[in-house]
C-alpha atoms as a PDB file:
ATOM      1  CA  MET A   1     -72.568 123.623  61.762  1.00  0.00           C
ATOM      2  CA  ASN A   2     -73.487 126.946  63.374  1.00  0.00           C
ATOM      3  CA  VAL A   3     -70.684 129.518  63.393  1.00  0.00           C
ATOM      4  CA  VAL A   4     -70.548 133.073  64.732  1.00  0.00           C
ATOM      5  CA  LEU A   5     -67.859 135.396  63.412  1.00  0.00           C
ATOM      6  CA  TYR A   6     -66.900 138.671  65.080  1.00  0.00           C
ATOM      7  CA  CYS A   7     -64.789 141.140  63.089  1.00  0.00           C
ATOM      8  CA  GLU A   8     -63.534 144.617  63.754  1.00  0.00           C
ATOM      9  CA  GLY A   9     -65.150 146.371  60.814  1.00  0.00           C
ATOM     10  CA  PRO A  10     -67.506 146.198  57.836  1.00  0.00           C
ATOM     11  CA  ALA A  11     -64.640 145.774  55.373  1.00  0.00           C
ATOM     12  CA  GLU A  12     -64.267 142.261  56.798  1.00  0.00           C
ATOM     13  CA  ASP A  13     -67.789 141.072  57.520  1.00  0.00           C
ATOM     14  CA  ARG A  14     -70.296 143.150  55.545  1.00  0.00           C
ATOM     15  CA  GLY A  15     -71.946 141.729  52.474  1.00  0.00           C
ATOM     16  CA  ASN A  16     -74.167 143.455  49.960  1.00  0.00           C
ATOM     17  CA  ASP A  17     -77.092 143.467  52.410  1.00  0.00           C
ATOM     18  CA  ALA A  18     -76.142 145.412  55.538  1.00  0.00           C
ATOM     19  CA  LEU A  19     -79.568 144.902  57.147  1.00  0.00           C
ATOM     20  CA  LEU A  20     -79.110 141.828  59.332  1.00  0.00           C
ATOM     21  CA  PRO A  21     -81.772 139.573  60.882  1.00  0.00           C
ATOM     22  CA  PRO A  22     -82.026 139.465  64.693  1.00  0.00           C
ATOM     23  CA  PRO A  23     -79.008 138.111  66.624  1.00  0.00           C
ATOM     24  CA  GLY A  24     -78.769 134.340  66.480  1.00  0.00           C
ATOM     25  CA  ASP A  25     -80.678 134.055  63.202  1.00  0.00           C
ATOM     26  CA  PRO A  26     -78.971 132.564  60.132  1.00  0.00           C
ATOM     27  CA  MET A  27     -77.293 134.932  57.691  1.00  0.00           C
ATOM     28  CA  SER A  28     -77.961 134.653  53.975  1.00  0.00           C
ATOM     29  CA  GLY A  29     -75.304 134.794  51.284  1.00  0.00           C
ATOM     30  CA  ASP A  30     -75.956 138.504  50.734  1.00  0.00           C
ATOM     31  CA  HIS A  31     -75.019 139.188  54.370  1.00  0.00           C
ATOM     32  CA  LEU A  32     -71.596 137.531  54.172  1.00  0.00           C
ATOM     33  CA  GLY A  33     -68.335 139.418  53.712  1.00  0.00           C
ATOM     34  CA  PRO A  34     -64.784 138.396  52.760  1.00  0.00           C
ATOM     35  CA  ALA A  35     -63.941 137.220  56.281  1.00  0.00           C
ATOM     36  CA  HIS A  36     -66.888 134.813  56.214  1.00  0.00           C
ATOM     37  CA  THR A  37     -65.640 133.468  52.893  1.00  0.00           C
ATOM     38  CA  LEU A  38     -62.114 132.900  54.182  1.00  0.00           C
ATOM     39  CA  VAL A  39     -63.196 131.444  57.527  1.00  0.00           C
ATOM     40  CA  ALA A  40     -65.585 129.043  55.780  1.00  0.00           C
ATOM     41  CA  ARG A  41     -62.748 127.783  53.583  1.00  0.00           C
ATOM     42  CA  CYS A  42     -60.554 127.304  56.644  1.00  0.00           C
ATOM     43  CA  ILE A  43     -63.242 125.345  58.503  1.00  0.00           C
ATOM     44  CA  GLU A  44     -63.708 123.137  55.461  1.00  0.00           C
ATOM     45  CA  ARG A  45     -59.957 122.500  55.462  1.00  0.00           C
ATOM     46  CA  THR A  46     -59.575 121.806  59.197  1.00  0.00           C
ATOM     47  CA  HIS A  47     -62.900 120.129  60.025  1.00  0.00           C
ATOM     48  CA  ARG A  48     -63.886 118.669  56.643  1.00  0.00           C
ATOM     49  CA  VAL A  49     -67.213 120.496  56.865  1.00  0.00           C
ATOM     50  CA  PRO A  50     -68.246 121.591  53.357  1.00  0.00           C
ATOM     51  CA  THR A  51     -69.180 125.243  52.983  1.00  0.00           C
ATOM     52  CA  PRO A  52     -72.859 124.493  52.200  1.00  0.00           C
ATOM     53  CA  ALA A  53     -73.108 122.741  55.576  1.00  0.00           C
ATOM     54  CA  LEU A  54     -71.914 125.854  57.436  1.00  0.00           C
ATOM     55  CA  ARG A  55     -74.418 128.318  58.788  1.00  0.00           C
ATOM     56  CA  PHE A  56     -73.197 131.710  59.954  1.00  0.00           C
ATOM     57  CA  LEU A  57     -75.389 133.207  62.657  1.00  0.00           C
ATOM     58  CA  VAL A  58     -75.874 136.925  63.300  1.00  0.00           C
ATOM     59  CA  PRO A  59     -73.527 137.917  66.169  1.00  0.00           C
ATOM     60  CA  VAL A  60     -75.065 138.812  69.509  1.00  0.00           C
ATOM     61  CA  ARG A  61     -75.162 142.439  70.615  1.00  0.00           C
ATOM     62  CA  ASP A  62     -73.876 143.876  73.853  1.00  0.00           C
ATOM     63  CA  ALA A  63     -76.112 146.402  75.618  1.00  0.00           C
ATOM     64  CA  GLY A  64     -78.110 146.570  72.394  1.00  0.00           C
ATOM     65  CA  LYS A  65     -75.114 147.562  70.257  1.00  0.00           C
ATOM     66  CA  ARG A  66     -73.142 145.710  67.620  1.00  0.00           C
ATOM     67  CA  VAL A  67     -69.734 144.588  68.819  1.00  0.00           C
ATOM     68  CA  ARG A  68     -67.200 146.328  66.608  1.00  0.00           C
ATOM     69  CA  GLY A  69     -63.605 147.544  66.404  1.00  0.00           C
ATOM     70  CA  SER A  70     -61.860 147.911  69.730  1.00  0.00           C
ATOM     71  CA  ASP A  71     -64.885 146.362  71.480  1.00  0.00           C
ATOM     72  CA  LEU A  72     -63.285 143.020  70.626  1.00  0.00           C
ATOM     73  CA  HIS A  73     -60.135 143.991  72.507  1.00  0.00           C
ATOM     74  CA  VAL A  74     -62.032 144.285  75.805  1.00  0.00           C
ATOM     75  CA  PRO A  75     -61.656 140.912  77.574  1.00  0.00           C
ATOM     76  CA  LYS A  76     -64.855 141.065  79.652  1.00  0.00           C
ATOM     77  CA  LEU A  77     -66.958 142.072  76.662  1.00  0.00           C
ATOM     78  CA  LEU A  78     -65.450 139.377  74.474  1.00  0.00           C
ATOM     79  CA  ARG A  79     -66.157 136.793  77.158  1.00  0.00           C
ATOM     80  CA  ARG A  80     -69.828 137.820  77.258  1.00  0.00           C
ATOM     81  CA  VAL A  81     -70.445 137.686  73.531  1.00  0.00           C
ATOM     82  CA  ILE A  82     -68.650 134.348  73.129  1.00  0.00           C
ATOM     83  CA  LEU A  83     -70.597 132.777  75.963  1.00  0.00           C
ATOM     84  CA  ASN A  84     -73.925 134.205  74.752  1.00  0.00           C
ATOM     85  CA  SER A  85     -73.281 133.054  71.195  1.00  0.00           C
ATOM     86  CA  ILE A  86     -72.769 129.500  72.435  1.00  0.00           C
ATOM     87  CA  THR A  87     -75.361 129.242  75.198  1.00  0.00           C
ATOM     88  CA  LEU A  88     -78.157 131.394  73.777  1.00  0.00           C
ATOM     89  CA  HIS A  89     -77.815 130.655  70.075  1.00  0.00           C
ATOM     90  CA  GLN A  90     -76.178 127.217  70.028  1.00  0.00           C
ATOM     91  CA  ALA A  91     -73.121 128.247  68.042  1.00  0.00           C
ATOM     92  CA  LYS A  92     -70.790 125.299  67.563  1.00  0.00           C
ATOM     93  CA  LEU A  93     -67.860 127.626  66.936  1.00  0.00           C
ATOM     94  CA  VAL A  94     -67.193 131.309  67.680  1.00  0.00           C
ATOM     95  CA  VAL A  95     -64.368 133.082  65.858  1.00  0.00           C
ATOM     96  CA  ALA A  96     -63.124 136.508  66.941  1.00  0.00           C
ATOM     97  CA  LEU A  97     -60.989 138.021  64.178  1.00  0.00           C
ATOM     98  CA  VAL A  98     -58.923 140.984  65.352  1.00  0.00           C
ATOM     99  CA  ASP A  99     -56.042 143.039  63.986  1.00  0.00           C
ATOM    100  CA  THR A 100     -52.876 143.202  66.064  1.00  0.00           C
ATOM    101  CA  ASP A 101     -52.071 146.775  64.928  1.00  0.00           C
ATOM    102  CA  GLY A 102     -48.577 146.460  66.345  1.00  0.00           C
ATOM    103  CA  ASP A 103     -49.706 144.899  69.634  1.00  0.00           C
ATOM    104  CA  LYS A 104     -47.925 141.537  69.763  1.00  0.00           C
ATOM    105  CA  SER A 105     -49.710 140.559  72.976  1.00  0.00           C
ATOM    106  CA  ARG A 106     -53.283 141.070  71.750  1.00  0.00           C
ATOM    107  CA  ARG A 107     -54.056 137.462  70.859  1.00  0.00           C
ATOM    108  CA  GLN A 108     -52.547 136.081  74.054  1.00  0.00           C
ATOM    109  CA  VAL A 109     -54.380 138.572  76.275  1.00  0.00           C
ATOM    110  CA  LEU A 110     -57.723 137.650  74.710  1.00  0.00           C
ATOM    111  CA  LEU A 111     -56.976 133.937  74.865  1.00  0.00           C
ATOM    112  CA  VAL A 112     -56.131 134.097  78.556  1.00  0.00           C
ATOM    113  CA  ALA A 113     -59.236 136.180  79.260  1.00  0.00           C
ATOM    114  CA  THR A 114     -61.497 133.588  77.629  1.00  0.00           C
ATOM    115  CA  ASP A 115     -59.631 130.399  78.486  1.00  0.00           C
ATOM    116  CA  ASN A 116     -61.630 129.504  81.589  1.00  0.00           C
ATOM    117  CA  LEU A 117     -65.001 129.746  79.898  1.00  0.00           C
ATOM    118  CA  ALA A 118     -67.086 126.616  80.140  1.00  0.00           C
ATOM    119  CA  HIS A 119     -67.075 126.434  76.339  1.00  0.00           C
ATOM    120  CA  ALA A 120     -63.548 127.713  75.711  1.00  0.00           C
ATOM    121  CA  SER A 121     -62.800 124.866  73.300  1.00  0.00           C
ATOM    122  CA  GLN A 122     -65.463 126.273  70.961  1.00  0.00           C
ATOM    123  CA  ARG A 123     -63.844 129.695  70.584  1.00  0.00           C
ATOM    124  CA  VAL A 124     -60.937 130.747  68.388  1.00  0.00           C
ATOM    125  CA  VAL A 125     -59.177 134.105  68.583  1.00  0.00           C
ATOM    126  CA  ALA A 126     -57.589 134.928  65.229  1.00  0.00           C
ATOM    127  CA  ALA A 127     -55.118 137.806  65.303  1.00  0.00           C
ATOM    128  CA  ALA A 128     -53.998 138.947  61.860  1.00  0.00           C
ATOM    129  CA  VAL A 129     -50.607 140.671  61.704  1.00  0.00           C
ATOM    130  CA  GLN A 130     -50.978 143.543  61.366  1.00  0.00           C
ATOM    131  CA  GLU A 131     -54.489 143.446  59.890  1.00  0.00           C
ATOM    132  CA  PHE A 132     -56.908 141.269  57.941  1.00  0.00           C
ATOM    133  CA  GLU A 133     -55.818 142.882  54.665  1.00  0.00           C
ATOM    134  CA  ALA A 134     -52.317 141.426  55.139  1.00  0.00           C
ATOM    135  CA  TRP A 135     -53.886 138.003  54.714  1.00  0.00           C
ATOM    136  CA  LEU A 136     -55.601 139.099  51.502  1.00  0.00           C
ATOM    137  CA  LEU A 137     -52.243 140.201  50.043  1.00  0.00           C
ATOM    138  CA  ALA A 138     -50.526 136.853  50.518  1.00  0.00           C
ATOM    139  CA  ASP A 139     -51.144 135.369  47.068  1.00  0.00           C
ATOM    140  CA  GLN A 140     -49.808 137.324  44.088  1.00  0.00           C
ATOM    141  CA  ARG A 141     -51.660 135.072  41.656  1.00  0.00           C
ATOM    142  CA  ALA A 142     -55.006 135.866  43.282  1.00  0.00           C
ATOM    143  CA  LEU A 143     -54.188 139.579  43.279  1.00  0.00           C
ATOM    144  CA  ARG A 144     -53.401 139.400  39.573  1.00  0.00           C
ATOM    145  CA  ASP A 145     -56.487 137.352  38.694  1.00  0.00           C
ATOM    146  CA  VAL A 146     -58.974 139.400  40.736  1.00  0.00           C
ATOM    147  CA  LEU A 147     -57.512 142.904  40.611  1.00  0.00           C
ATOM    148  CA  GLY A 148     -55.189 142.743  37.620  1.00  0.00           C
ATOM    149  CA  CYS A 149     -52.272 143.821  39.828  1.00  0.00           C
ATOM    150  CA  ALA A 150     -48.988 143.928  37.965  1.00  0.00           C
ATOM    151  CA  ASP A 151     -46.998 145.130  40.964  1.00  0.00           C
ATOM    152  CA  THR A 152     -46.106 142.859  43.844  1.00  0.00           C
ATOM    153  CA  PRO A 153     -46.867 144.148  47.349  1.00  0.00           C
ATOM    154  CA  PRO A 154     -44.085 144.209  49.945  1.00  0.00           C
ATOM    155  CA  ASP A 155     -43.996 141.297  52.369  1.00  0.00           C
ATOM    156  CA  PRO A 156     -47.358 141.726  54.169  1.00  0.00           C
ATOM    157  CA  THR A 157     -45.898 140.371  57.405  1.00  0.00           C
ATOM    158  CA  GLN A 158     -43.376 143.226  57.449  1.00  0.00           C
ATOM    159  CA  MET A 159     -45.831 146.032  56.723  1.00  0.00           C
ATOM    160  CA  ALA A 160     -46.557 148.665  59.337  1.00  0.00           C
ATOM    161  CA  PRO A 161     -50.077 148.871  60.798  1.00  0.00           C
ATOM    162  CA  GLY A 162     -52.415 150.315  58.185  1.00  0.00           C
ATOM    163  CA  GLU A 163     -50.046 149.757  55.258  1.00  0.00           C
ATOM    164  CA  ALA A 164     -51.668 146.579  53.937  1.00  0.00           C
ATOM    165  CA  LYS A 165     -55.106 148.145  54.294  1.00  0.00           C
ATOM    166  CA  SER A 166     -53.994 151.205  52.316  1.00  0.00           C
ATOM    167  CA  TRP A 167     -52.222 149.165  49.622  1.00  0.00           C
ATOM    168  CA  LEU A 168     -55.238 146.964  49.021  1.00  0.00           C
ATOM    169  CA  ARG A 169     -57.730 149.827  49.132  1.00  0.00           C
ATOM    170  CA  ASN A 170     -55.827 151.727  46.442  1.00  0.00           C
ATOM    171  CA  ARG A 171     -55.689 148.698  44.127  1.00  0.00           C
ATOM    172  CA  VAL A 172     -59.313 147.713  44.703  1.00  0.00           C
ATOM    173  CA  GLU A 173     -60.554 151.235  44.099  1.00  0.00           C
ATOM    174  CA  ALA A 174     -58.451 151.486  40.943  1.00  0.00           C
ATOM    175  CA  ARG A 175     -60.025 148.250  39.713  1.00  0.00           C
ATOM    176  CA  GLY A 176     -63.591 149.525  40.313  1.00  0.00           C
ATOM    177  CA  LEU A 177     -65.336 150.296  37.067  1.00  0.00           C
ATOM    178  CA  LEU A 178     -68.716 151.655  38.158  1.00  0.00           C
ATOM    179  CA  ALA A 179     -69.387 155.369  38.571  1.00  0.00           C
ATOM    180  CA  ASP A 180     -72.452 155.122  40.814  1.00  0.00           C
ATOM    181  CA  GLN A 181     -71.251 155.334  44.418  1.00  0.00           C
ATOM    182  CA  SER A 182     -73.498 152.614  45.850  1.00  0.00           C
ATOM    183  CA  GLN A 183     -72.799 150.254  42.963  1.00  0.00           C
ATOM    184  CA  ARG A 184     -69.092 150.962  43.254  1.00  0.00           C
ATOM    185  CA  ALA A 185     -69.147 150.156  46.985  1.00  0.00           C
ATOM    186  CA  ALA A 186     -70.865 146.854  46.201  1.00  0.00           C
ATOM    187  CA  GLU A 187     -68.277 146.102  43.524  1.00  0.00           C
ATOM    188  CA  ILE A 188     -65.423 146.774  45.967  1.00  0.00           C
ATOM    189  CA  ARG A 189     -66.982 144.401  48.506  1.00  0.00           C
ATOM    190  CA  GLN A 190     -67.339 141.777  45.800  1.00  0.00           C
ATOM    191  CA  LEU A 191     -63.694 142.097  44.785  1.00  0.00           C
ATOM    192  CA  ARG A 192     -62.572 141.567  48.373  1.00  0.00           C
ATOM    193  CA  CYS A 193     -64.820 138.495  48.609  1.00  0.00           C
ATOM    194  CA  GLN A 194     -63.326 137.155  45.382  1.00  0.00           C
ATOM    195  CA  LEU A 195     -59.845 137.573  46.823  1.00  0.00           C
ATOM    196  CA  ALA A 196     -60.879 135.674  49.949  1.00  0.00           C
ATOM    197  CA  ALA A 197     -62.335 132.918  47.757  1.00  0.00           C
ATOM    198  CA  GLN A 198     -59.341 132.562  45.445  1.00  0.00           C
ATOM    199  CA  ILE A 199     -56.329 133.060  47.701  1.00  0.00           C
ATOM    200  CA  ASP A 200     -54.236 129.918  48.003  1.00  0.00           C
ATOM    201  CA  LEU A 201     -54.431 128.760  51.615  1.00  0.00           C
ATOM    202  CA  ASP A 202     -51.047 127.034  51.513  1.00  0.00           C
ATOM    203  CA  THR A 203     -49.441 130.272  50.352  1.00  0.00           C
ATOM    204  CA  LEU A 204     -51.313 132.219  53.011  1.00  0.00           C
ATOM    205  CA  ALA A 205     -50.209 129.713  55.664  1.00  0.00           C
ATOM    206  CA  ARG A 206     -46.655 130.972  55.226  1.00  0.00           C
ATOM    207  CA  GLN A 207     -47.768 133.906  57.355  1.00  0.00           C
ATOM    208  CA  PRO A 208     -47.315 132.819  60.988  1.00  0.00           C
ATOM    209  CA  SER A 209     -50.498 134.543  62.179  1.00  0.00           C
ATOM    210  CA  PHE A 210     -52.635 132.674  59.651  1.00  0.00           C
ATOM    211  CA  ARG A 211     -50.889 129.369  60.313  1.00  0.00           C
ATOM    212  CA  GLN A 212     -51.653 129.888  64.005  1.00  0.00           C
ATOM    213  CA  PHE A 213     -55.309 130.460  63.109  1.00  0.00           C
ATOM    214  CA  LEU A 214     -55.437 127.188  61.193  1.00  0.00           C
ATOM    215  CA  ASP A 215     -53.849 125.337  64.114  1.00  0.00           C
ATOM    216  CA  ASP A 216     -56.337 126.865  66.552  1.00  0.00           C
ATOM    217  CA  LEU A 217     -59.251 125.941  64.299  1.00  0.00           C
ATOM    218  CA  LEU A 218     -57.989 122.375  64.099  1.00  0.00           C
ATOM    219  CA  ALA A 219     -57.858 122.194  67.905  1.00  0.00           C
ATOM    220  CA  ALA A 220     -61.363 123.624  68.358  1.00  0.00           C
ATOM    221  CA  ARG A 221     -64.116 121.132  69.037  1.00  0.00           C
END
């Protein structure tokens, strides 16, 4: 199953190897970030497709540039990259993962903008409230096992924009044990991937934004 995942930043989708193949080519394990790990688990849950049978493809570019950050909030641009991912590179599913950052209408605006695409049933817009890191904070057991966190974060769904990102960054950086900067960066990425791999999906599904993502995945075909 070919899947293309668009994320706002490298903290979500960058693996240990930042040098990607050409757009549309398969990504190796070293290219995958924590969002790939979590999305793969969700697809396995909703579509019964085992992770080894998933193949993440390199996202298409727009005007020669990677689609990043607020690019994903631009309806016309998002329409183009979704359509190109499906028609040019035969993606079975395209997931756009965005942060709401306090904008409650973001998911709906992007859904409406892409709803009349010929392949609209193959796209899912996931809008984490307020940010992807809020999803990673959902399971205290996973935080304890991966990061050794003794303190419990506030309710991630009630955090202000940027608060979950800051909370997790501080704990991840405190957990890092390597002095070399490049090795430390790789270790931090690995810790985030471990969180994405170990978080309990039923616990995470208590967050309405993640439960909505699961429902949308289930409806995709």
